[in-house]
Amino acid sequence: MPTKKPVILVADDDPQILTMLGIRLSKRGYQVVEAADGLQTLDKARQEHPDLVLLDVMMPGKNGWEVAKELRADEELRNVGIVMLTAIGERVNEMTSPLYGADAYVDKPFDFADLEAKIKKVLDERSRLS
């Protein structure tokens, strides 16, 4: 029986980043769902129940920190992995992401190998929790 592909919700208001990550992650065997703002991210998370959300901080509607906080407060989504993805600044990201329940963070511009390693680590850790 084939194993289920992990579902990753990529949330970013930059269409180029959505496209690039969608292609790269799909080629790595993930099922990718995309959202372009914070409200759409919450809607898609509730519909798709992703294994992990790659979450940009600076988005219209609701910012990534607000979305992360809501995901952690939602009974059905509290165990989803969250990786914050932002250009806001390394120190700010390092200090702020854990406060909102993120499992990891990656600063833009990012190295895809580093991002992929963090995705794999968070998915592995979260699968042990469920």
Protein backbone atom coordinates (compact mmCIF):
# COMPACT_ATOMS: atom_id res chain seq x y z
CA MET A 1 0.00 0.00 0.00
CA PRO A 2 1.51 3.39 -0.99
CA THR A 3 2.28 5.79 1.80
CA LYS A 4 0.42 9.09 1.91
CA LYS A 5 2.41 12.06 0.66
CA PRO A 6 2.86 14.69 3.37
CA VAL A 7 0.76 17.78 2.64
CA ILE A 8 2.55 21.13 2.87
CA LEU A 9 0.59 24.37 2.82
CA VAL A 10 2.84 27.10 1.40
CA ALA A 11 1.61 30.55 2.48
CA ASP A 12 3.31 33.56 0.89
CA ASP A 13 2.04 36.69 -0.84
CA ASP A 14 4.91 36.57 -3.38
CA PRO A 15 3.71 34.58 -6.43
CA GLN A 16 7.30 33.73 -7.45
CA ILE A 17 8.03 32.14 -4.08
CA LEU A 18 4.75 30.19 -4.20
CA THR A 19 5.59 28.86 -7.67
CA MET A 20 9.22 28.04 -6.85
CA LEU A 21 8.41 26.27 -3.59
CA GLY A 22 5.44 24.48 -5.15
CA ILE A 23 7.61 23.03 -7.92
CA ARG A 24 10.57 22.13 -5.68
CA LEU A 25 8.49 20.54 -2.93
CA SER A 26 6.32 18.60 -5.41
CA LYS A 27 9.48 17.17 -6.98
CA ARG A 28 10.55 16.07 -3.48
CA GLY A 29 7.37 14.03 -3.07
CA TYR A 30 5.20 16.42 -1.10
CA GLN A 31 1.62 17.35 -1.93
CA VAL A 32 1.56 21.17 -2.07
CA VAL A 33 -1.34 23.51 -1.35
CA GLU A 34 -0.87 27.26 -1.81
CA ALA A 35 -2.27 30.34 -0.09
CA ALA A 36 -1.51 33.99 -0.85
CA ASP A 37 -2.65 35.71 2.37
CA GLY A 38 -3.31 35.00 6.03
CA LEU A 39 -7.08 34.50 5.80
CA GLN A 40 -6.73 32.15 2.82
CA THR A 41 -4.06 30.23 4.76
CA LEU A 42 -6.45 29.62 7.66
CA ASP A 43 -9.26 28.58 5.28
CA LYS A 44 -7.03 26.15 3.37
CA ALA A 45 -5.55 24.75 6.60
CA ARG A 46 -9.06 23.97 7.86
CA GLN A 47 -10.00 22.36 4.52
CA GLU A 48 -6.81 20.40 3.83
CA HIS A 49 -5.44 19.59 7.32
CA PRO A 50 -1.81 19.87 6.14
CA ASP A 51 1.07 18.12 7.86
CA LEU A 52 3.10 21.34 7.76
CA VAL A 53 2.59 25.03 6.99
CA LEU A 54 5.42 27.09 5.47
CA LEU A 55 4.32 30.48 6.68
CA ASP A 56 5.51 33.89 5.50
CA VAL A 57 5.32 36.51 8.25
CA MET A 58 4.45 39.62 6.22
CA MET A 59 1.17 38.82 4.44
CA PRO A 60 -2.07 40.75 3.87
CA GLY A 61 -5.21 39.85 5.80
CA LYS A 62 -3.48 38.34 8.80
CA ASN A 63 0.25 38.16 9.26
CA GLY A 64 2.05 34.86 9.71
CA TRP A 65 2.38 35.25 13.46
CA GLU A 66 -1.39 35.74 13.81
CA VAL A 67 -1.99 32.69 11.60
CA ALA A 68 0.45 30.57 13.64
CA LYS A 69 -1.27 31.60 16.86
CA GLU A 70 -4.70 30.65 15.44
CA LEU A 71 -3.41 27.31 14.16
CA ARG A 72 -2.05 26.46 17.63
CA ALA A 73 -5.39 27.46 19.22
CA ASP A 74 -7.44 25.28 16.82
CA GLU A 75 -8.16 21.86 18.32
CA GLU A 76 -7.95 20.13 14.93
CA LEU A 77 -4.81 21.93 13.71
CA ARG A 78 -2.71 22.41 16.84
CA ASN A 79 -0.32 19.58 15.85
CA VAL A 80 0.45 20.87 12.37
CA GLY A 81 4.13 21.67 11.84
CA ILE A 82 4.89 25.37 11.33
CA VAL A 83 8.00 26.76 9.67
CA MET A 84 8.13 30.56 9.53
CA LEU A 85 9.64 31.95 6.34
CA THR A 86 10.54 35.62 6.38
CA ALA A 87 12.85 38.44 5.41
CA ILE A 88 12.05 40.37 8.59
CA GLY A 89 15.51 39.80 10.04
CA GLU A 90 17.29 36.87 11.60
CA ARG A 91 17.28 38.10 15.21
CA VAL A 92 13.61 39.10 15.11
CA ASN A 93 12.65 35.79 13.54
CA GLU A 94 14.70 33.80 16.04
CA MET A 95 13.13 35.56 19.02
CA THR A 96 9.56 35.88 17.75
CA SER A 97 8.74 32.65 15.90
CA PRO A 98 8.79 30.40 19.02
CA LEU A 99 6.47 32.83 20.85
CA TYR A 100 3.76 32.14 18.28
CA GLY A 101 4.18 28.38 18.27
CA ALA A 102 6.44 27.91 15.25
CA ASP A 103 8.57 24.77 15.20
CA ALA A 104 11.32 26.36 13.11
CA TYR A 105 12.12 29.41 11.01
CA VAL A 106 14.06 30.13 7.84
CA ASP A 107 15.25 33.58 6.79
CA LYS A 108 14.79 34.86 3.23
CA PRO A 109 16.67 34.61 1.01
CA PHE A 110 16.92 30.96 1.95
CA ASP A 111 18.98 28.02 0.84
CA PHE A 112 16.59 25.31 -0.35
CA ALA A 113 18.69 22.51 1.21
CA ASP A 114 18.44 24.26 4.60
CA LEU A 115 14.69 24.78 4.19
CA GLU A 116 14.17 21.17 3.14
CA ALA A 117 16.18 19.91 6.14
CA LYS A 118 14.01 21.97 8.51
CA ILE A 119 10.81 20.72 6.83
CA LYS A 120 11.94 17.11 7.21
CA LYS A 121 12.98 17.64 10.85
CA VAL A 122 9.65 19.26 11.79
CA LEU A 123 7.64 16.58 9.96
CA ASP A 124 9.61 13.85 11.75
CA GLU A 125 9.13 15.51 15.16
CA ARG A 126 5.42 16.17 14.60
CA SER A 127 4.75 12.59 13.38
CA ARG A 128 6.08 11.30 16.70
CA LEU A 129 3.63 13.54 18.59
CA SER A 130 0.51 12.29 16.81
